Amino acid sequence: QVQLVESGGGVVQAGDSLRLSCAVSGLTFTYYTMAWFRQAPGKDREFVAGINRSGSTPVYADSVKGRFTISRDNDKKTVYLQMNSLQPEDTAVYYCAAKSIYYSGSYYVGGSYDYWGQGTQVTVSS
């Protein structure tokens, strides 16, 4: 059974930092590209950051570039999202997702991903 379990969300003030984790089980982790998406109330889900199987090539949404860092530990089968300089507009439920390396669908499209976590809430107050 495949499981993606996010943790690390919380309530913080603008300018603070948080580190999200996503622990993966039930699949061969290095066969999957990993990503973080988020969904704010009343808005569509949006791509935040993605990382290839080796961790050598992260990609980011323009809205988080320079503030967020995605990384992965293949030994621990875990992907991280370090979020610095958080702003109220970063408030959302954050989801991690896994996409098979054998599927050429877009990094940026949620429909390309095979597995999803349950989400973790991040709330940033001003």
PDB file of N, CA and C in Angstrom:
ATOM      1  N   GLN A   1       0.845  -1.186   0.000  1.00  0.00           N
ATOM      2  CA  GLN A   1       0.000   0.000   0.000  1.00  0.00           C
ATOM      3  C   GLN A   1       0.888   1.246   0.000  1.00  0.00           C
ATOM      4  N   VAL A   2       0.643   2.109  -0.952  1.00  0.00           N
ATOM      5  CA  VAL A   2       1.430   3.339  -1.053  1.00  0.00           C
ATOM      6  C   VAL A   2       0.888   4.373  -0.071  1.00  0.00           C
ATOM      7  N   GLN A   3       1.815   4.988   0.656  1.00  0.00           N
ATOM      8  CA  GLN A   3       1.428   6.057   1.577  1.00  0.00           C
ATOM      9  C   GLN A   3       2.383   7.225   1.442  1.00  0.00           C
ATOM     10  N   LEU A   4       1.821   8.416   1.387  1.00  0.00           N
ATOM     11  CA  LEU A   4       2.581   9.659   1.452  1.00  0.00           C
ATOM     12  C   LEU A   4       2.012  10.415   2.648  1.00  0.00           C
ATOM     13  N   VAL A   5       2.836  10.667   3.639  1.00  0.00           N
ATOM     14  CA  VAL A   5       2.374  11.274   4.874  1.00  0.00           C
ATOM     15  C   VAL A   5       3.121  12.576   5.117  1.00  0.00           C
ATOM     16  N   GLU A   6       2.390  13.684   5.009  1.00  0.00           N
ATOM     17  CA  GLU A   6       2.979  14.999   5.238  1.00  0.00           C
ATOM     18  C   GLU A   6       2.944  15.350   6.715  1.00  0.00           C
ATOM     19  N   SER A   7       3.898  16.170   7.116  1.00  0.00           N
ATOM     20  CA  SER A   7       3.929  16.704   8.479  1.00  0.00           C
ATOM     21  C   SER A   7       4.677  18.028   8.466  1.00  0.00           C
ATOM     22  N   GLY A   8       4.553  18.777   9.560  1.00  0.00           N
ATOM     23  CA  GLY A   8       5.315  20.007   9.703  1.00  0.00           C
ATOM     24  C   GLY A   8       4.525  21.284   9.513  1.00  0.00           C
ATOM     25  N   GLY A   9       3.259  21.170   9.143  1.00  0.00           N
ATOM     26  CA  GLY A   9       2.451  22.376   8.988  1.00  0.00           C
ATOM     27  C   GLY A   9       2.159  23.023  10.326  1.00  0.00           C
ATOM     28  N   GLY A  10       1.595  24.213  10.280  1.00  0.00           N
ATOM     29  CA  GLY A  10       1.260  24.907  11.514  1.00  0.00           C
ATOM     30  C   GLY A  10       0.833  26.328  11.254  1.00  0.00           C
ATOM     31  N   VAL A  11       0.718  27.078  12.335  1.00  0.00           N
ATOM     32  CA  VAL A  11       0.340  28.488  12.279  1.00  0.00           C
ATOM     33  C   VAL A  11       1.568  29.312  12.636  1.00  0.00           C
ATOM     34  N   VAL A  12       1.945  30.208  11.742  1.00  0.00           N
ATOM     35  CA  VAL A  12       3.119  31.048  11.952  1.00  0.00           C
ATOM     36  C   VAL A  12       2.786  32.480  11.575  1.00  0.00           C
ATOM     37  N   GLN A  13       3.699  33.381  11.895  1.00  0.00           N
ATOM     38  CA  GLN A  13       3.531  34.781  11.522  1.00  0.00           C
ATOM     39  C   GLN A  13       4.317  35.071  10.240  1.00  0.00           C
ATOM     40  N   ALA A  14       3.927  36.128   9.572  1.00  0.00           N
ATOM     41  CA  ALA A  14       4.629  36.542   8.362  1.00  0.00           C
ATOM     42  C   ALA A  14       6.117  36.729   8.657  1.00  0.00           C
ATOM     43  N   GLY A  15       6.936  36.201   7.757  1.00  0.00           N
ATOM     44  CA  GLY A  15       8.377  36.276   7.928  1.00  0.00           C
ATOM     45  C   GLY A  15       8.998  35.055   8.569  1.00  0.00           C
ATOM     46  N   ASP A  16       8.160  34.211   9.160  1.00  0.00           N
ATOM     47  CA  ASP A  16       8.656  33.000   9.812  1.00  0.00           C
ATOM     48  C   ASP A  16       8.968  31.913   8.791  1.00  0.00           C
ATOM     49  N   SER A  17       9.496  30.811   9.297  1.00  0.00           N
ATOM     50  CA  SER A  17       9.852  29.665   8.465  1.00  0.00           C
ATOM     51  C   SER A  17       9.157  28.405   8.963  1.00  0.00           C
ATOM     52  N   LEU A  18       8.966  27.477   8.059  1.00  0.00           N
ATOM     53  CA  LEU A  18       8.467  26.138   8.378  1.00  0.00           C
ATOM     54  C   LEU A  18       9.168  25.146   7.475  1.00  0.00           C
ATOM     55  N   ARG A  19       9.283  23.913   7.954  1.00  0.00           N
ATOM     56  CA  ARG A  19       9.823  22.843   7.129  1.00  0.00           C
ATOM     57  C   ARG A  19       8.809  21.717   7.079  1.00  0.00           C
ATOM     58  N   LEU A  20       8.310  21.447   5.888  1.00  0.00           N
ATOM     59  CA  LEU A  20       7.381  20.336   5.694  1.00  0.00           C
ATOM     60  C   LEU A  20       8.167  19.074   5.322  1.00  0.00           C
ATOM     61  N   SER A  21       7.652  17.947   5.760  1.00  0.00           N
ATOM     62  CA  SER A  21       8.219  16.654   5.402  1.00  0.00           C
ATOM     63  C   SER A  21       7.132  15.780   4.807  1.00  0.00           C
ATOM     64  N   CYS A  22       7.550  14.886   3.928  1.00  0.00           N
ATOM     65  CA  CYS A  22       6.622  13.911   3.349  1.00  0.00           C
ATOM     66  C   CYS A  22       7.328  12.561   3.333  1.00  0.00           C
ATOM     67  N   ALA A  23       6.869  11.678   4.199  1.00  0.00           N
ATOM     68  CA  ALA A  23       7.447  10.340   4.290  1.00  0.00           C
ATOM     69  C   ALA A  23       6.685   9.399   3.371  1.00  0.00           C
ATOM     70  N   VAL A  24       7.434   8.686   2.542  1.00  0.00           N
ATOM     71  CA  VAL A  24       6.831   7.842   1.507  1.00  0.00           C
ATOM     72  C   VAL A  24       7.095   6.369   1.811  1.00  0.00           C
ATOM     73  N   SER A  25       6.093   5.538   1.600  1.00  0.00           N
ATOM     74  CA  SER A  25       6.262   4.102   1.757  1.00  0.00           C
ATOM     75  C   SER A  25       5.431   3.383   0.703  1.00  0.00           C
ATOM     76  N   GLY A  26       5.802   2.125   0.443  1.00  0.00           N
ATOM     77  CA  GLY A  26       5.012   1.305  -0.471  1.00  0.00           C
ATOM     78  C   GLY A  26       5.356   1.458  -1.937  1.00  0.00           C
ATOM     79  N   LEU A  27       6.402   2.221  -2.261  1.00  0.00           N
ATOM     80  CA  LEU A  27       6.835   2.329  -3.644  1.00  0.00           C
ATOM     81  C   LEU A  27       8.360   2.479  -3.680  1.00  0.00           C
ATOM     82  N   THR A  28       8.935   2.263  -4.859  1.00  0.00           N
ATOM     83  CA  THR A  28      10.374   2.435  -5.031  1.00  0.00           C
ATOM     84  C   THR A  28      10.645   3.917  -5.219  1.00  0.00           C
ATOM     85  N   PHE A  29      11.089   4.551  -4.167  1.00  0.00           N
ATOM     86  CA  PHE A  29      11.136   6.012  -4.107  1.00  0.00           C
ATOM     87  C   PHE A  29      11.931   6.614  -5.256  1.00  0.00           C
ATOM     88  N   THR A  30      13.028   6.005  -5.626  1.00  0.00           N
ATOM     89  CA  THR A  30      13.884   6.585  -6.659  1.00  0.00           C
ATOM     90  C   THR A  30      13.314   6.445  -8.063  1.00  0.00           C
ATOM     91  N   TYR A  31      12.182   5.798  -8.188  1.00  0.00           N
ATOM     92  CA  TYR A  31      11.491   5.715  -9.475  1.00  0.00           C
ATOM     93  C   TYR A  31      10.453   6.820  -9.633  1.00  0.00           C
ATOM     94  N   TYR A  32      10.446   7.747  -8.677  1.00  0.00           N
ATOM     95  CA  TYR A  32       9.420   8.776  -8.679  1.00  0.00           C
ATOM     96  C   TYR A  32      10.004  10.172  -8.550  1.00  0.00           C
ATOM     97  N   THR A  33       9.513  11.047  -9.417  1.00  0.00           N
ATOM     98  CA  THR A  33       9.677  12.474  -9.241  1.00  0.00           C
ATOM     99  C   THR A  33       8.713  12.900  -8.133  1.00  0.00           C
ATOM    100  N   MET A  34       9.170  13.806  -7.275  1.00  0.00           N
ATOM    101  CA  MET A  34       8.331  14.261  -6.170  1.00  0.00           C
ATOM    102  C   MET A  34       8.033  15.748  -6.298  1.00  0.00           C
ATOM    103  N   ALA A  35       6.897  16.140  -5.762  1.00  0.00           N
ATOM    104  CA  ALA A  35       6.514  17.551  -5.847  1.00  0.00           C
ATOM    105  C   ALA A  35       5.652  17.943  -4.663  1.00  0.00           C
ATOM    106  N   TRP A  36       5.578  19.237  -4.459  1.00  0.00           N
ATOM    107  CA  TRP A  36       4.647  19.839  -3.504  1.00  0.00           C
ATOM    108  C   TRP A  36       3.663  20.706  -4.282  1.00  0.00           C
ATOM    109  N   PHE A  37       2.399  20.560  -3.945  1.00  0.00           N
ATOM    110  CA  PHE A  37       1.331  21.421  -4.448  1.00  0.00           C
ATOM    111  C   PHE A  37       0.668  22.062  -3.234  1.00  0.00           C
ATOM    112  N   ARG A  38      -0.136  23.078  -3.489  1.00  0.00           N
ATOM    113  CA  ARG A  38      -0.909  23.685  -2.410  1.00  0.00           C
ATOM    114  C   ARG A  38      -2.269  24.119  -2.934  1.00  0.00           C
ATOM    115  N   GLN A  39      -3.195  24.200  -2.015  1.00  0.00           N
ATOM    116  CA  GLN A  39      -4.535  24.672  -2.366  1.00  0.00           C
ATOM    117  C   GLN A  39      -5.048  25.564  -1.263  1.00  0.00           C
ATOM    118  N   ALA A  40      -5.316  26.805  -1.624  1.00  0.00           N
ATOM    119  CA  ALA A  40      -5.880  27.775  -0.689  1.00  0.00           C
ATOM    120  C   ALA A  40      -7.402  27.737  -0.807  1.00  0.00           C
ATOM    121  N   PRO A  41      -8.114  28.165   0.225  1.00  0.00           N
ATOM    122  CA  PRO A  41      -9.572  28.147   0.181  1.00  0.00           C
ATOM    123  C   PRO A  41     -10.097  28.909  -1.017  1.00  0.00           C
ATOM    124  N   GLY A  42     -10.993  28.288  -1.756  1.00  0.00           N
ATOM    125  CA  GLY A  42     -11.610  28.943  -2.893  1.00  0.00           C
ATOM    126  C   GLY A  42     -10.741  29.046  -4.127  1.00  0.00           C
ATOM    127  N   LYS A  43      -9.560  28.443  -4.083  1.00  0.00           N
ATOM    128  CA  LYS A  43      -8.648  28.520  -5.225  1.00  0.00           C
ATOM    129  C   LYS A  43      -8.322  27.122  -5.750  1.00  0.00           C
ATOM    130  N   ASP A  44      -7.823  27.090  -6.972  1.00  0.00           N
ATOM    131  CA  ASP A  44      -7.388  25.820  -7.546  1.00  0.00           C
ATOM    132  C   ASP A  44      -6.074  25.377  -6.917  1.00  0.00           C
ATOM    133  N   ARG A  45      -5.866  24.081  -6.975  1.00  0.00           N
ATOM    134  CA  ARG A  45      -4.572  23.548  -6.536  1.00  0.00           C
ATOM    135  C   ARG A  45      -3.481  24.067  -7.460  1.00  0.00           C
ATOM    136  N   GLU A  46      -2.330  24.414  -6.886  1.00  0.00           N
ATOM    137  CA  GLU A  46      -1.244  24.932  -7.708  1.00  0.00           C
ATOM    138  C   GLU A  46       0.078  24.257  -7.358  1.00  0.00           C
ATOM    139  N   PHE A  47       0.901  24.137  -8.367  1.00  0.00           N
ATOM    140  CA  PHE A  47       2.244  23.593  -8.215  1.00  0.00           C
ATOM    141  C   PHE A  47       3.096  24.548  -7.396  1.00  0.00           C
ATOM    142  N   VAL A  48       3.890  24.000  -6.494  1.00  0.00           N
ATOM    143  CA  VAL A  48       4.796  24.804  -5.678  1.00  0.00           C
ATOM    144  C   VAL A  48       6.251  24.513  -6.045  1.00  0.00           C
ATOM    145  N   ALA A  49       6.615  23.237  -5.992  1.00  0.00           N
ATOM    146  CA  ALA A  49       8.010  22.857  -6.255  1.00  0.00           C
ATOM    147  C   ALA A  49       8.065  21.381  -6.609  1.00  0.00           C
ATOM    148  N   GLY A  50       9.063  21.016  -7.400  1.00  0.00           N
ATOM    149  CA  GLY A  50       9.253  19.624  -7.777  1.00  0.00           C
ATOM    150  C   GLY A  50      10.725  19.277  -7.808  1.00  0.00           C
ATOM    151  N   ILE A  51      11.024  17.974  -7.716  1.00  0.00           N
ATOM    152  CA  ILE A  51      12.417  17.549  -7.692  1.00  0.00           C
ATOM    153  C   ILE A  51      12.550  16.199  -8.372  1.00  0.00           C
ATOM    154  N   ASN A  52      13.599  16.047  -9.149  1.00  0.00           N
ATOM    155  CA  ASN A  52      13.791  14.801  -9.889  1.00  0.00           C
ATOM    156  C   ASN A  52      14.318  13.698  -8.979  1.00  0.00           C
ATOM    157  N   ARG A  53      14.485  12.521  -9.533  1.00  0.00           N
ATOM    158  CA  ARG A  53      14.790  11.338  -8.726  1.00  0.00           C
ATOM    159  C   ARG A  53      16.095  11.453  -7.974  1.00  0.00           C
ATOM    160  N   SER A  54      17.076  12.121  -8.543  1.00  0.00           N
ATOM    161  CA  SER A  54      18.371  12.234  -7.871  1.00  0.00           C
ATOM    162  C   SER A  54      18.452  13.443  -6.953  1.00  0.00           C
ATOM    163  N   GLY A  55      17.513  14.346  -7.089  1.00  0.00           N
ATOM    164  CA  GLY A  55      17.542  15.568  -6.290  1.00  0.00           C
ATOM    165  C   GLY A  55      18.409  16.659  -6.888  1.00  0.00           C
ATOM    166  N   SER A  56      18.879  16.470  -8.098  1.00  0.00           N
ATOM    167  CA  SER A  56      19.830  17.416  -8.691  1.00  0.00           C
ATOM    168  C   SER A  56      19.159  18.596  -9.374  1.00  0.00           C
ATOM    169  N   THR A  57      17.866  18.465  -9.670  1.00  0.00           N
ATOM    170  CA  THR A  57      17.204  19.498 -10.479  1.00  0.00           C
ATOM    171  C   THR A  57      15.865  19.888  -9.873  1.00  0.00           C
ATOM    172  N   PRO A  58      15.873  20.785  -8.904  1.00  0.00           N
ATOM    173  CA  PRO A  58      14.609  21.281  -8.369  1.00  0.00           C
ATOM    174  C   PRO A  58      14.006  22.333  -9.302  1.00  0.00           C
ATOM    175  N   VAL A  59      12.690  22.413  -9.292  1.00  0.00           N
ATOM    176  CA  VAL A  59      11.991  23.463 -10.035  1.00  0.00           C
ATOM    177  C   VAL A  59      10.970  24.094  -9.102  1.00  0.00           C
ATOM    178  N   TYR A  60      10.691  25.373  -9.341  1.00  0.00           N
ATOM    179  CA  TYR A  60       9.824  26.125  -8.435  1.00  0.00           C
ATOM    180  C   TYR A  60       8.824  26.970  -9.202  1.00  0.00           C
ATOM    181  N   ALA A  61       7.684  27.187  -8.563  1.00  0.00           N
ATOM    182  CA  ALA A  61       6.763  28.194  -9.044  1.00  0.00           C
ATOM    183  C   ALA A  61       7.394  29.556  -8.818  1.00  0.00           C
ATOM    184  N   ASP A  62       7.085  30.492  -9.694  1.00  0.00           N
ATOM    185  CA  ASP A  62       7.660  31.838  -9.557  1.00  0.00           C
ATOM    186  C   ASP A  62       7.313  32.468  -8.213  1.00  0.00           C
ATOM    187  N   SER A  63       6.136  32.134  -7.695  1.00  0.00           N
ATOM    188  CA  SER A  63       5.672  32.767  -6.456  1.00  0.00           C
ATOM    189  C   SER A  63       6.499  32.371  -5.233  1.00  0.00           C
ATOM    190  N   VAL A  64       7.244  31.270  -5.320  1.00  0.00           N
ATOM    191  CA  VAL A  64       8.005  30.812  -4.155  1.00  0.00           C
ATOM    192  C   VAL A  64       9.507  30.789  -4.413  1.00  0.00           C
ATOM    193  N   LYS A  65       9.909  31.070  -5.634  1.00  0.00           N
ATOM    194  CA  LYS A  65      11.328  31.011  -5.992  1.00  0.00           C
ATOM    195  C   LYS A  65      12.135  31.965  -5.111  1.00  0.00           C
ATOM    196  N   GLY A  66      13.222  31.459  -4.563  1.00  0.00           N
ATOM    197  CA  GLY A  66      14.063  32.270  -3.687  1.00  0.00           C
ATOM    198  C   GLY A  66      13.656  32.210  -2.227  1.00  0.00           C
ATOM    199  N   ARG A  67      12.461  31.690  -1.938  1.00  0.00           N
ATOM    200  CA  ARG A  67      12.001  31.582  -0.541  1.00  0.00           C
ATOM    201  C   ARG A  67      11.863  30.129  -0.101  1.00  0.00           C
ATOM    202  N   PHE A  68      11.458  29.257  -1.012  1.00  0.00           N
ATOM    203  CA  PHE A  68      11.231  27.845  -0.692  1.00  0.00           C
ATOM    204  C   PHE A  68      12.339  26.995  -1.308  1.00  0.00           C
ATOM    205  N   THR A  69      12.666  25.902  -0.624  1.00  0.00           N
ATOM    206  CA  THR A  69      13.649  24.955  -1.133  1.00  0.00           C
ATOM    207  C   THR A  69      13.110  23.539  -0.980  1.00  0.00           C
ATOM    208  N   ILE A  70      13.065  22.807  -2.089  1.00  0.00           N
ATOM    209  CA  ILE A  70      12.654  21.413  -2.055  1.00  0.00           C
ATOM    210  C   ILE A  70      13.901  20.539  -2.049  1.00  0.00           C
ATOM    211  N   SER A  71      13.854  19.461  -1.299  1.00  0.00           N
ATOM    212  CA  SER A  71      14.963  18.512  -1.271  1.00  0.00           C
ATOM    213  C   SER A  71      14.400  17.122  -0.994  1.00  0.00           C
ATOM    214  N   ARG A  72      15.242  16.118  -1.194  1.00  0.00           N
ATOM    215  CA  ARG A  72      14.805  14.756  -0.921  1.00  0.00           C
ATOM    216  C   ARG A  72      15.966  13.947  -0.355  1.00  0.00           C
ATOM    217  N   ASP A  73      15.612  12.995   0.495  1.00  0.00           N
ATOM    218  CA  ASP A  73      16.579  12.055   1.046  1.00  0.00           C
ATOM    219  C   ASP A  73      16.134  10.667   0.589  1.00  0.00           C
ATOM    220  N   ASN A  74      16.825  10.129  -0.387  1.00  0.00           N
ATOM    221  CA  ASN A  74      16.397   8.850  -0.957  1.00  0.00           C
ATOM    222  C   ASN A  74      16.588   7.689   0.016  1.00  0.00           C
ATOM    223  N   ASP A  75      17.528   7.815   0.922  1.00  0.00           N
ATOM    224  CA  ASP A  75      17.712   6.760   1.926  1.00  0.00           C
ATOM    225  C   ASP A  75      16.536   6.728   2.898  1.00  0.00           C
ATOM    226  N   LYS A  76      16.034   7.895   3.236  1.00  0.00           N
ATOM    227  CA  LYS A  76      14.915   7.985   4.183  1.00  0.00           C
ATOM    228  C   LYS A  76      13.571   7.988   3.472  1.00  0.00           C
ATOM    229  N   LYS A  77      13.564   8.001   2.135  1.00  0.00           N
ATOM    230  CA  LYS A  77      12.333   8.033   1.351  1.00  0.00           C
ATOM    231  C   LYS A  77      11.451   9.198   1.799  1.00  0.00           C
ATOM    232  N   THR A  78      12.068  10.352   1.892  1.00  0.00           N
ATOM    233  CA  THR A  78      11.377  11.531   2.389  1.00  0.00           C
ATOM    234  C   THR A  78      11.703  12.726   1.500  1.00  0.00           C
ATOM    235  N   VAL A  79      10.701  13.552   1.257  1.00  0.00           N
ATOM    236  CA  VAL A  79      10.897  14.811   0.544  1.00  0.00           C
ATOM    237  C   VAL A  79      10.545  15.946   1.490  1.00  0.00           C
ATOM    238  N   TYR A  80      11.285  17.039   1.369  1.00  0.00           N
ATOM    239  CA  TYR A  80      11.130  18.173   2.272  1.00  0.00           C
ATOM    240  C   TYR A  80      10.791  19.435   1.490  1.00  0.00           C
ATOM    241  N   LEU A  81      10.161  20.365   2.193  1.00  0.00           N
ATOM    242  CA  LEU A  81       9.957  21.700   1.655  1.00  0.00           C
ATOM    243  C   LEU A  81      10.295  22.698   2.755  1.00  0.00           C
ATOM    244  N   GLN A  82      11.434  23.340   2.600  1.00  0.00           N
ATOM    245  CA  GLN A  82      11.831  24.406   3.523  1.00  0.00           C
ATOM    246  C   GLN A  82      11.213  25.701   3.032  1.00  0.00           C
ATOM    247  N   MET A  83      10.418  26.314   3.879  1.00  0.00           N
ATOM    248  CA  MET A  83       9.701  27.530   3.497  1.00  0.00           C
ATOM    249  C   MET A  83      10.168  28.670   4.391  1.00  0.00           C
ATOM    250  N   ASN A  84      10.801  29.657   3.786  1.00  0.00           N
ATOM    251  CA  ASN A  84      11.285  30.834   4.503  1.00  0.00           C
ATOM    252  C   ASN A  84      10.501  32.066   4.080  1.00  0.00           C
ATOM    253  N   SER A  85      10.601  33.089   4.885  1.00  0.00           N
ATOM    254  CA  SER A  85       9.923  34.360   4.589  1.00  0.00           C
ATOM    255  C   SER A  85       8.468  34.134   4.208  1.00  0.00           C
ATOM    256  N   LEU A  86       7.774  33.380   5.008  1.00  0.00           N
ATOM    257  CA  LEU A  86       6.383  33.053   4.701  1.00  0.00           C
ATOM    258  C   LEU A  86       5.517  34.303   4.730  1.00  0.00           C
ATOM    259  N   GLN A  87       4.533  34.325   3.833  1.00  0.00           N
ATOM    260  CA  GLN A  87       3.612  35.439   3.700  1.00  0.00           C
ATOM    261  C   GLN A  87       2.178  34.935   3.826  1.00  0.00           C
ATOM    262  N   PRO A  88       1.246  35.808   4.178  1.00  0.00           N
ATOM    263  CA  PRO A  88      -0.149  35.358   4.300  1.00  0.00           C
ATOM    264  C   PRO A  88      -0.667  34.649   3.042  1.00  0.00           C
ATOM    265  N   GLU A  89      -0.188  35.052   1.888  1.00  0.00           N
ATOM    266  CA  GLU A  89      -0.650  34.407   0.645  1.00  0.00           C
ATOM    267  C   GLU A  89      -0.121  32.986   0.482  1.00  0.00           C
ATOM    268  N   ASP A  90       0.778  32.565   1.354  1.00  0.00           N
ATOM    269  CA  ASP A  90       1.239  31.174   1.345  1.00  0.00           C
ATOM    270  C   ASP A  90       0.295  30.256   2.126  1.00  0.00           C
ATOM    271  N   THR A  91      -0.690  30.832   2.777  1.00  0.00           N
ATOM    272  CA  THR A  91      -1.653  30.030   3.532  1.00  0.00           C
ATOM    273  C   THR A  91      -2.393  29.074   2.608  1.00  0.00           C
ATOM    274  N   ALA A  92      -2.341  27.794   2.929  1.00  0.00           N
ATOM    275  CA  ALA A  92      -2.956  26.765   2.088  1.00  0.00           C
ATOM    276  C   ALA A  92      -2.776  25.409   2.751  1.00  0.00           C
ATOM    277  N   VAL A  93      -3.453  24.427   2.190  1.00  0.00           N
ATOM    278  CA  VAL A  93      -3.127  23.034   2.500  1.00  0.00           C
ATOM    279  C   VAL A  93      -2.050  22.599   1.507  1.00  0.00           C
ATOM    280  N   TYR A  94      -0.984  22.054   2.033  1.00  0.00           N
ATOM    281  CA  TYR A  94       0.145  21.634   1.205  1.00  0.00           C
ATOM    282  C   TYR A  94       0.127  20.115   1.063  1.00  0.00           C
ATOM    283  N   TYR A  95       0.265  19.668  -0.176  1.00  0.00           N
ATOM    284  CA  TYR A  95       0.219  18.249  -0.498  1.00  0.00           C
ATOM    285  C   TYR A  95       1.529  17.830  -1.158  1.00  0.00           C
ATOM    286  N   CYS A  96       2.023  16.660  -0.807  1.00  0.00           N
ATOM    287  CA  CYS A  96       3.106  16.104  -1.596  1.00  0.00           C
ATOM    288  C   CYS A  96       2.534  15.088  -2.566  1.00  0.00           C
ATOM    289  N   ALA A  97       3.242  14.892  -3.663  1.00  0.00           N
ATOM    290  CA  ALA A  97       2.759  14.032  -4.738  1.00  0.00           C
ATOM    291  C   ALA A  97       3.931  13.327  -5.396  1.00  0.00           C
ATOM    292  N   ALA A  98       3.654  12.147  -5.942  1.00  0.00           N
ATOM    293  CA  ALA A  98       4.679  11.328  -6.588  1.00  0.00           C
ATOM    294  C   ALA A  98       4.274  11.014  -8.018  1.00  0.00           C
ATOM    295  N   LYS A  99       5.234  11.193  -8.945  1.00  0.00           N
ATOM    296  CA  LYS A  99       4.997  10.938 -10.374  1.00  0.00           C
ATOM    297  C   LYS A  99       6.042   9.956 -10.878  1.00  0.00           C
ATOM    298  N   SER A 100       5.587   8.897 -11.493  1.00  0.00           N
ATOM    299  CA  SER A 100       6.516   7.904 -12.024  1.00  0.00           C
ATOM    300  C   SER A 100       7.463   8.541 -13.036  1.00  0.00           C
ATOM    301  N   ILE A 101       8.730   8.149 -12.970  1.00  0.00           N
ATOM    302  CA  ILE A 101       9.701   8.670 -13.929  1.00  0.00           C
ATOM    303  C   ILE A 101       9.425   8.156 -15.334  1.00  0.00           C
ATOM    304  N   TYR A 102       8.583   7.134 -15.444  1.00  0.00           N
ATOM    305  CA  TYR A 102       8.286   6.560 -16.751  1.00  0.00           C
ATOM    306  C   TYR A 102       7.111   7.262 -17.420  1.00  0.00           C
ATOM    307  N   TYR A 103       6.561   8.237 -16.760  1.00  0.00           N
ATOM    308  CA  TYR A 103       5.465   9.006 -17.338  1.00  0.00           C
ATOM    309  C   TYR A 103       5.977  10.405 -17.645  1.00  0.00           C
ATOM    310  N   SER A 104       5.740  10.866 -18.856  1.00  0.00           N
ATOM    311  CA  SER A 104       6.321  12.126 -19.291  1.00  0.00           C
ATOM    312  C   SER A 104       5.411  13.323 -19.084  1.00  0.00           C
ATOM    313  N   GLY A 105       4.367  13.170 -18.284  1.00  0.00           N
ATOM    314  CA  GLY A 105       3.470  14.276 -18.017  1.00  0.00           C
ATOM    315  C   GLY A 105       4.170  15.441 -17.350  1.00  0.00           C
ATOM    316  N   SER A 106       3.560  16.600 -17.452  1.00  0.00           N
ATOM    317  CA  SER A 106       4.177  17.826 -16.956  1.00  0.00           C
ATOM    318  C   SER A 106       4.377  17.802 -15.441  1.00  0.00           C
ATOM    319  N   TYR A 107       5.510  18.298 -15.041  1.00  0.00           N
ATOM    320  CA  TYR A 107       5.834  18.539 -13.635  1.00  0.00           C
ATOM    321  C   TYR A 107       4.734  19.341 -12.949  1.00  0.00           C
ATOM    322  N   TYR A 108       4.207  20.313 -13.715  1.00  0.00           N
ATOM    323  CA  TYR A 108       3.407  21.376 -13.130  1.00  0.00           C
ATOM    324  C   TYR A 108       1.927  21.046 -13.029  1.00  0.00           C
ATOM    325  N   VAL A 109       1.530  19.914 -13.574  1.00  0.00           N
ATOM    326  CA  VAL A 109       0.115  19.555 -13.648  1.00  0.00           C
ATOM    327  C   VAL A 109      -0.191  18.449 -12.661  1.00  0.00           C
ATOM    328  N   GLY A 110      -1.148  18.697 -11.785  1.00  0.00           N
ATOM    329  CA  GLY A 110      -1.479  17.708 -10.775  1.00  0.00           C
ATOM    330  C   GLY A 110      -1.912  16.371 -11.343  1.00  0.00           C
ATOM    331  N   GLY A 111      -2.577  16.401 -12.486  1.00  0.00           N
ATOM    332  CA  GLY A 111      -3.032  15.169 -13.115  1.00  0.00           C
ATOM    333  C   GLY A 111      -1.924  14.235 -13.553  1.00  0.00           C
ATOM    334  N   SER A 112      -0.684  14.727 -13.578  1.00  0.00           N
ATOM    335  CA  SER A 112       0.453  13.893 -13.964  1.00  0.00           C
ATOM    336  C   SER A 112       0.907  12.975 -12.839  1.00  0.00           C
ATOM    337  N   TYR A 113       0.440  13.236 -11.643  1.00  0.00           N
ATOM    338  CA  TYR A 113       0.951  12.543 -10.467  1.00  0.00           C
ATOM    339  C   TYR A 113       0.093  11.338 -10.107  1.00  0.00           C
ATOM    340  N   ASP A 114       0.789  10.302  -9.658  1.00  0.00           N
ATOM    341  CA  ASP A 114       0.126   9.027  -9.381  1.00  0.00           C
ATOM    342  C   ASP A 114      -0.393   8.921  -7.952  1.00  0.00           C
ATOM    343  N   TYR A 115       0.329   9.508  -7.024  1.00  0.00           N
ATOM    344  CA  TYR A 115      -0.006   9.339  -5.607  1.00  0.00           C
ATOM    345  C   TYR A 115       0.064  10.684  -4.907  1.00  0.00           C
ATOM    346  N   TRP A 116      -0.807  10.830  -3.905  1.00  0.00           N
ATOM    347  CA  TRP A 116      -0.916  12.072  -3.139  1.00  0.00           C
ATOM    348  C   TRP A 116      -0.985  11.773  -1.650  1.00  0.00           C
ATOM    349  N   GLY A 117      -0.470  12.730  -0.878  1.00  0.00           N
ATOM    350  CA  GLY A 117      -0.655  12.679   0.556  1.00  0.00           C
ATOM    351  C   GLY A 117      -1.978  13.298   0.956  1.00  0.00           C
ATOM    352  N   GLN A 118      -2.235  13.294   2.245  1.00  0.00           N
ATOM    353  CA  GLN A 118      -3.505  13.805   2.755  1.00  0.00           C
ATOM    354  C   GLN A 118      -3.480  15.309   2.978  1.00  0.00           C
ATOM    355  N   GLY A 119      -2.303  15.893   2.969  1.00  0.00           N
ATOM    356  CA  GLY A 119      -2.175  17.338   3.114  1.00  0.00           C
ATOM    357  C   GLY A 119      -1.850  17.768   4.528  1.00  0.00           C
ATOM    358  N   THR A 120      -1.194  18.913   4.633  1.00  0.00           N
ATOM    359  CA  THR A 120      -0.909  19.531   5.925  1.00  0.00           C
ATOM    360  C   THR A 120      -1.188  21.022   5.810  1.00  0.00           C
ATOM    361  N   GLN A 121      -1.850  21.571   6.813  1.00  0.00           N
ATOM    362  CA  GLN A 121      -2.282  22.968   6.768  1.00  0.00           C
ATOM    363  C   GLN A 121      -1.137  23.887   7.175  1.00  0.00           C
ATOM    364  N   VAL A 122      -0.947  24.915   6.371  1.00  0.00           N
ATOM    365  CA  VAL A 122      -0.016  25.994   6.704  1.00  0.00           C
ATOM    366  C   VAL A 122      -0.817  27.287   6.743  1.00  0.00           C
ATOM    367  N   THR A 123      -0.766  27.968   7.868  1.00  0.00           N
ATOM    368  CA  THR A 123      -1.478  29.230   8.035  1.00  0.00           C
ATOM    369  C   THR A 123      -0.471  30.301   8.446  1.00  0.00           C
ATOM    370  N   VAL A 124      -0.446  31.385   7.667  1.00  0.00           N
ATOM    371  CA  VAL A 124       0.486  32.481   7.931  1.00  0.00           C
ATOM    372  C   VAL A 124      -0.330  33.729   8.256  1.00  0.00           C
ATOM    373  N   SER A 125      -0.132  34.241   9.442  1.00  0.00           N
ATOM    374  CA  SER A 125      -0.861  35.438   9.849  1.00  0.00           C
ATOM    375  C   SER A 125      -0.004  36.669   9.624  1.00  0.00           C
ATOM    376  N   SER A 126      -0.686  37.778   9.375  1.00  0.00           N
ATOM    377  CA  SER A 126       0.052  39.028   9.089  1.00  0.00           C
ATOM    378  C   SER A 126       0.344  39.812  10.353  1.00  0.00           C
TER     379      SER A 126
END
